[in-house]
Amino acid sequence: MALTRIEKELLSPTIRGLVKHNEYLWWELKRQAFDFGYQTSYPRQFEYELPARNALSQLSSEIKEKLYFECSKKYRPTNDSVDSVIEQMYVSEIIEEIGRRAIIAANRTIHW
């Protein structure tokens, strides 16, 4: 399921940080998006899974609570911890959003 506007606002600094942390991986992902055209996913995209998990675990408790609240609007709350729910719900969303941004960036890149 796609991120809501509020979720995007809350996760945007994290996503931007993940992209900037490994510029080579970002370049490779953009290149795959450019070479293969639109795909539901790209091979290099999943290399962001572990960094996304780590980044989510380092979010402030305030942002985690806000994300949990947004998540509970879409899905029935579980008895799992806030951290567990956030990881389950948002790692794949972050990876999907990075892929979406790579497609946009690939189409804007002039000099490869």
N, C-alpha and C. Protein backbone atom coordinates (compact mmCIF):
# COMPACT_ATOMS: atom_id res chain seq x y z
N MET A 1 0.84 -1.17 0.00
CA MET A 1 0.00 0.00 0.00
C MET A 1 0.89 1.24 0.00
N ALA A 2 0.50 2.25 -0.70
CA ALA A 2 1.32 3.46 -0.84
C ALA A 2 1.32 4.28 0.45
N LEU A 3 2.39 5.04 0.59
CA LEU A 3 2.51 5.92 1.75
C LEU A 3 1.53 7.08 1.64
N THR A 4 0.98 7.47 2.77
CA THR A 4 0.13 8.65 2.80
C THR A 4 1.02 9.90 2.81
N ARG A 5 0.41 11.05 2.65
CA ARG A 5 1.16 12.30 2.65
C ARG A 5 1.90 12.48 3.98
N ILE A 6 1.23 12.18 5.08
CA ILE A 6 1.85 12.35 6.40
C ILE A 6 3.00 11.37 6.57
N GLU A 7 2.82 10.13 6.15
CA GLU A 7 3.90 9.14 6.24
C GLU A 7 5.10 9.57 5.41
N LYS A 8 4.84 10.09 4.21
CA LYS A 8 5.93 10.57 3.37
C LYS A 8 6.69 11.70 4.04
N GLU A 9 5.96 12.62 4.67
CA GLU A 9 6.60 13.73 5.38
C GLU A 9 7.47 13.21 6.52
N LEU A 10 6.97 12.24 7.25
CA LEU A 10 7.71 11.69 8.39
C LEU A 10 8.93 10.88 7.95
N LEU A 11 8.81 10.17 6.84
CA LEU A 11 9.88 9.28 6.39
C LEU A 11 10.83 9.92 5.37
N SER A 12 10.46 11.06 4.84
CA SER A 12 11.27 11.69 3.80
C SER A 12 12.73 11.92 4.20
N PRO A 13 13.02 12.45 5.38
CA PRO A 13 14.43 12.62 5.76
C PRO A 13 15.18 11.28 5.84
N THR A 14 14.49 10.25 6.29
CA THR A 14 15.11 8.93 6.38
C THR A 14 15.41 8.38 4.99
N ILE A 15 14.46 8.50 4.09
CA ILE A 15 14.65 8.01 2.72
C ILE A 15 15.77 8.78 2.04
N ARG A 16 15.76 10.09 2.19
CA ARG A 16 16.81 10.92 1.60
C ARG A 16 18.18 10.53 2.15
N GLY A 17 18.24 10.27 3.45
CA GLY A 17 19.50 9.85 4.07
C GLY A 17 19.99 8.51 3.55
N LEU A 18 19.07 7.58 3.33
CA LEU A 18 19.45 6.28 2.79
C LEU A 18 20.03 6.41 1.38
N VAL A 19 19.42 7.26 0.59
CA VAL A 19 19.89 7.47 -0.78
C VAL A 19 21.27 8.11 -0.78
N LYS A 20 21.46 9.12 0.06
CA LYS A 20 22.73 9.84 0.08
C LYS A 20 23.85 9.05 0.75
N HIS A 21 23.48 8.10 1.61
CA HIS A 21 24.49 7.33 2.33
C HIS A 21 25.36 6.48 1.40
N ASN A 22 24.76 5.92 0.37
CA ASN A 22 25.50 5.09 -0.57
C ASN A 22 25.21 5.58 -1.98
N GLU A 23 25.98 6.54 -2.43
CA GLU A 23 25.73 7.15 -3.74
C GLU A 23 25.96 6.17 -4.89
N TYR A 24 26.90 5.24 -4.71
CA TYR A 24 27.14 4.25 -5.77
C TYR A 24 25.92 3.36 -5.96
N LEU A 25 25.32 2.88 -4.88
CA LEU A 25 24.13 2.05 -4.96
C LEU A 25 22.98 2.84 -5.60
N TRP A 26 22.84 4.10 -5.23
CA TRP A 26 21.80 4.95 -5.80
C TRP A 26 22.01 5.10 -7.31
N TRP A 27 23.26 5.33 -7.72
CA TRP A 27 23.56 5.47 -9.14
C TRP A 27 23.23 4.18 -9.89
N GLU A 28 23.59 3.05 -9.31
CA GLU A 28 23.29 1.75 -9.94
C GLU A 28 21.78 1.52 -10.05
N LEU A 29 21.05 1.89 -9.02
CA LEU A 29 19.60 1.73 -9.05
C LEU A 29 18.97 2.63 -10.12
N LYS A 30 19.44 3.86 -10.20
CA LYS A 30 18.94 4.75 -11.26
C LYS A 30 19.26 4.18 -12.63
N ARG A 31 20.45 3.62 -12.79
CA ARG A 31 20.86 3.05 -14.07
C ARG A 31 19.96 1.88 -14.45
N GLN A 32 19.63 1.03 -13.48
CA GLN A 32 18.71 -0.07 -13.76
C GLN A 32 17.34 0.45 -14.17
N ALA A 33 16.87 1.48 -13.49
CA ALA A 33 15.57 2.06 -13.84
C ALA A 33 15.60 2.62 -15.25
N PHE A 34 16.72 3.23 -15.62
CA PHE A 34 16.86 3.80 -16.96
C PHE A 34 16.95 2.69 -18.01
N ASP A 35 17.77 1.67 -17.75
CA ASP A 35 17.98 0.59 -18.71
C ASP A 35 16.76 -0.30 -18.90
N PHE A 36 16.08 -0.64 -17.81
CA PHE A 36 14.98 -1.59 -17.87
C PHE A 36 13.62 -0.94 -18.04
N GLY A 37 13.54 0.37 -17.89
CA GLY A 37 12.25 1.03 -17.93
C GLY A 37 11.47 0.75 -16.67
N TYR A 38 10.19 1.09 -16.69
CA TYR A 38 9.39 0.90 -15.48
C TYR A 38 9.25 -0.58 -15.15
N GLN A 39 9.58 -0.93 -13.92
CA GLN A 39 9.41 -2.27 -13.38
C GLN A 39 8.77 -2.13 -11.99
N THR A 40 8.18 -3.18 -11.49
CA THR A 40 7.64 -3.10 -10.13
C THR A 40 8.76 -3.07 -9.10
N SER A 41 9.92 -3.63 -9.47
CA SER A 41 11.10 -3.57 -8.60
C SER A 41 12.35 -3.79 -9.44
N TYR A 42 13.48 -3.44 -8.85
CA TYR A 42 14.77 -3.57 -9.51
C TYR A 42 15.70 -4.36 -8.59
N PRO A 43 16.64 -5.13 -9.15
CA PRO A 43 17.52 -5.96 -8.32
C PRO A 43 18.26 -5.17 -7.23
N ARG A 44 18.81 -4.01 -7.58
CA ARG A 44 19.59 -3.25 -6.60
C ARG A 44 18.72 -2.61 -5.52
N GLN A 45 17.46 -2.50 -5.77
CA GLN A 45 16.54 -1.86 -4.83
C GLN A 45 16.52 -2.58 -3.48
N PHE A 46 16.65 -3.88 -3.48
CA PHE A 46 16.53 -4.65 -2.25
C PHE A 46 17.78 -4.60 -1.39
N GLU A 47 18.84 -4.00 -1.90
CA GLU A 47 20.03 -3.79 -1.07
C GLU A 47 19.79 -2.69 -0.03
N TYR A 48 18.67 -2.02 -0.14
CA TYR A 48 18.31 -1.01 0.84
C TYR A 48 17.56 -1.59 2.04
N GLU A 49 17.28 -2.88 2.03
CA GLU A 49 16.46 -3.46 3.11
C GLU A 49 17.12 -3.33 4.48
N LEU A 50 18.34 -3.79 4.62
CA LEU A 50 19.02 -3.72 5.93
C LEU A 50 19.24 -2.26 6.36
N PRO A 51 19.74 -1.38 5.48
CA PRO A 51 19.86 0.02 5.90
C PRO A 51 18.52 0.64 6.29
N ALA A 52 17.43 0.24 5.62
CA ALA A 52 16.11 0.77 5.98
C ALA A 52 15.70 0.30 7.37
N ARG A 53 15.95 -0.96 7.68
CA ARG A 53 15.65 -1.48 9.03
C ARG A 53 16.44 -0.71 10.09
N ASN A 54 17.71 -0.51 9.82
CA ASN A 54 18.55 0.22 10.77
C ASN A 54 18.08 1.66 10.93
N ALA A 55 17.74 2.31 9.85
CA ALA A 55 17.28 3.69 9.90
C ALA A 55 15.97 3.81 10.68
N LEU A 56 15.06 2.88 10.48
CA LEU A 56 13.80 2.92 11.22
C LEU A 56 14.02 2.72 12.71
N SER A 57 14.96 1.87 13.06
CA SER A 57 15.22 1.63 14.48
C SER A 57 15.82 2.86 15.16
N GLN A 58 16.42 3.75 14.39
CA GLN A 58 17.06 4.93 14.95
C GLN A 58 16.17 6.17 14.95
N LEU A 59 14.93 6.03 14.49
CA LEU A 59 14.01 7.17 14.51
C LEU A 59 13.69 7.56 15.95
N SER A 60 13.36 8.82 16.15
CA SER A 60 12.99 9.28 17.48
C SER A 60 11.67 8.63 17.89
N SER A 61 11.45 8.56 19.19
CA SER A 61 10.20 7.95 19.67
C SER A 61 8.99 8.76 19.23
N GLU A 62 9.16 10.07 19.07
CA GLU A 62 8.05 10.91 18.61
C GLU A 62 7.63 10.54 17.19
N ILE A 63 8.60 10.37 16.31
CA ILE A 63 8.29 10.00 14.93
C ILE A 63 7.72 8.59 14.87
N LYS A 64 8.27 7.69 15.68
CA LYS A 64 7.73 6.32 15.71
C LYS A 64 6.27 6.31 16.15
N GLU A 65 5.94 7.10 17.15
CA GLU A 65 4.56 7.16 17.62
C GLU A 65 3.63 7.71 16.53
N LYS A 66 4.11 8.73 15.82
CA LYS A 66 3.30 9.29 14.73
C LYS A 66 3.10 8.27 13.61
N LEU A 67 4.16 7.54 13.27
CA LEU A 67 4.05 6.51 12.24
C LEU A 67 3.10 5.39 12.69
N TYR A 68 3.21 5.02 13.95
CA TYR A 68 2.33 3.98 14.49
C TYR A 68 0.87 4.42 14.41
N PHE A 69 0.62 5.68 14.74
CA PHE A 69 -0.73 6.23 14.67
C PHE A 69 -1.24 6.19 13.23
N GLU A 70 -0.41 6.60 12.27
CA GLU A 70 -0.81 6.58 10.86
C GLU A 70 -1.06 5.15 10.38
N CYS A 71 -0.22 4.25 10.82
CA CYS A 71 -0.37 2.84 10.45
C CYS A 71 -1.67 2.28 11.01
N SER A 72 -2.01 2.66 12.23
CA SER A 72 -3.23 2.13 12.85
C SER A 72 -4.49 2.65 12.17
N LYS A 73 -4.39 3.73 11.40
CA LYS A 73 -5.53 4.21 10.64
C LYS A 73 -5.84 3.28 9.46
N LYS A 74 -4.78 2.66 8.91
CA LYS A 74 -4.93 1.81 7.73
C LYS A 74 -5.12 0.34 8.09
N TYR A 75 -4.48 -0.09 9.18
CA TYR A 75 -4.48 -1.50 9.54
C TYR A 75 -4.94 -1.67 10.98
N ARG A 76 -5.47 -2.81 11.23
CA ARG A 76 -5.90 -3.11 12.60
C ARG A 76 -4.68 -3.26 13.50
N PRO A 77 -4.66 -2.57 14.63
CA PRO A 77 -3.50 -2.66 15.52
C PRO A 77 -3.28 -4.08 16.04
N THR A 78 -2.03 -4.41 16.27
CA THR A 78 -1.68 -5.72 16.82
C THR A 78 -1.10 -5.52 18.21
N ASN A 79 -0.79 -6.60 18.85
CA ASN A 79 -0.18 -6.53 20.18
C ASN A 79 1.33 -6.40 20.13
N ASP A 80 1.89 -6.33 18.94
CA ASP A 80 3.33 -6.19 18.79
C ASP A 80 3.79 -4.84 19.30
N SER A 81 5.08 -4.73 19.55
CA SER A 81 5.65 -3.46 20.00
C SER A 81 5.59 -2.44 18.86
N VAL A 82 5.69 -1.17 19.22
CA VAL A 82 5.68 -0.09 18.23
C VAL A 82 6.81 -0.30 17.23
N ASP A 83 8.01 -0.63 17.73
CA ASP A 83 9.16 -0.83 16.84
C ASP A 83 8.92 -1.97 15.86
N SER A 84 8.34 -3.05 16.34
CA SER A 84 8.08 -4.20 15.48
C SER A 84 7.06 -3.87 14.39
N VAL A 85 6.00 -3.17 14.77
CA VAL A 85 4.97 -2.80 13.80
C VAL A 85 5.54 -1.87 12.75
N ILE A 86 6.33 -0.89 13.18
CA ILE A 86 6.92 0.07 12.24
C ILE A 86 7.83 -0.64 11.26
N GLU A 87 8.64 -1.57 11.77
CA GLU A 87 9.54 -2.30 10.88
C GLU A 87 8.75 -3.14 9.88
N GLN A 88 7.74 -3.84 10.35
CA GLN A 88 6.93 -4.69 9.47
C GLN A 88 6.24 -3.89 8.38
N MET A 89 5.76 -2.71 8.74
CA MET A 89 4.94 -1.93 7.81
C MET A 89 5.76 -1.04 6.88
N TYR A 90 6.89 -0.53 7.36
CA TYR A 90 7.53 0.53 6.61
C TYR A 90 8.83 0.16 5.89
N VAL A 91 9.45 -0.96 6.18
CA VAL A 91 10.67 -1.33 5.43
C VAL A 91 10.34 -1.49 3.95
N SER A 92 9.30 -2.25 3.65
CA SER A 92 8.93 -2.46 2.24
C SER A 92 8.44 -1.16 1.60
N GLU A 93 7.76 -0.32 2.36
CA GLU A 93 7.30 0.97 1.83
C GLU A 93 8.46 1.88 1.49
N ILE A 94 9.49 1.87 2.33
CA ILE A 94 10.68 2.69 2.07
C ILE A 94 11.37 2.19 0.81
N ILE A 95 11.53 0.88 0.67
CA ILE A 95 12.17 0.31 -0.51
C ILE A 95 11.38 0.66 -1.77
N GLU A 96 10.07 0.58 -1.68
CA GLU A 96 9.22 0.93 -2.82
C GLU A 96 9.37 2.42 -3.17
N GLU A 97 9.41 3.27 -2.17
CA GLU A 97 9.55 4.70 -2.41
C GLU A 97 10.92 5.04 -3.01
N ILE A 98 11.96 4.36 -2.56
CA ILE A 98 13.29 4.57 -3.15
C ILE A 98 13.27 4.17 -4.62
N GLY A 99 12.62 3.08 -4.95
CA GLY A 99 12.49 2.67 -6.35
C GLY A 99 11.73 3.69 -7.18
N ARG A 100 10.66 4.22 -6.61
CA ARG A 100 9.88 5.24 -7.32
C ARG A 100 10.73 6.49 -7.56
N ARG A 101 11.49 6.89 -6.57
CA ARG A 101 12.35 8.07 -6.72
C ARG A 101 13.47 7.81 -7.73
N ALA A 102 13.95 6.57 -7.79
CA ALA A 102 15.01 6.24 -8.75
C ALA A 102 14.50 6.36 -10.18
N ILE A 103 13.26 5.97 -10.42
CA ILE A 103 12.67 6.09 -11.76
C ILE A 103 12.61 7.56 -12.16
N ILE A 104 12.15 8.39 -11.26
CA ILE A 104 12.05 9.83 -11.53
C ILE A 104 13.44 10.42 -11.78
N ALA A 105 14.39 10.06 -10.92
CA ALA A 105 15.75 10.58 -11.06
C ALA A 105 16.42 10.10 -12.35
N ALA A 106 16.18 8.85 -12.72
CA ALA A 106 16.76 8.30 -13.95
C ALA A 106 16.26 9.05 -15.17
N ASN A 107 15.00 9.41 -15.16
CA ASN A 107 14.44 10.14 -16.28
C ASN A 107 14.93 11.58 -16.36
N ARG A 108 15.43 12.12 -15.26
CA ARG A 108 15.97 13.47 -15.25
C ARG A 108 17.47 13.52 -15.55
N THR A 109 18.13 12.37 -15.43
CA THR A 109 19.58 12.34 -15.61
C THR A 109 19.92 12.53 -17.09
N ILE A 110 20.82 13.47 -17.35
CA ILE A 110 21.19 13.80 -18.73
C ILE A 110 22.50 13.11 -19.10
N HIS A 111 23.48 13.19 -18.24
CA HIS A 111 24.81 12.64 -18.53
C HIS A 111 25.05 11.38 -17.71
N TRP A 112 25.11 10.25 -18.38
CA TRP A 112 25.41 9.00 -17.70
C TRP A 112 26.89 8.78 -17.78
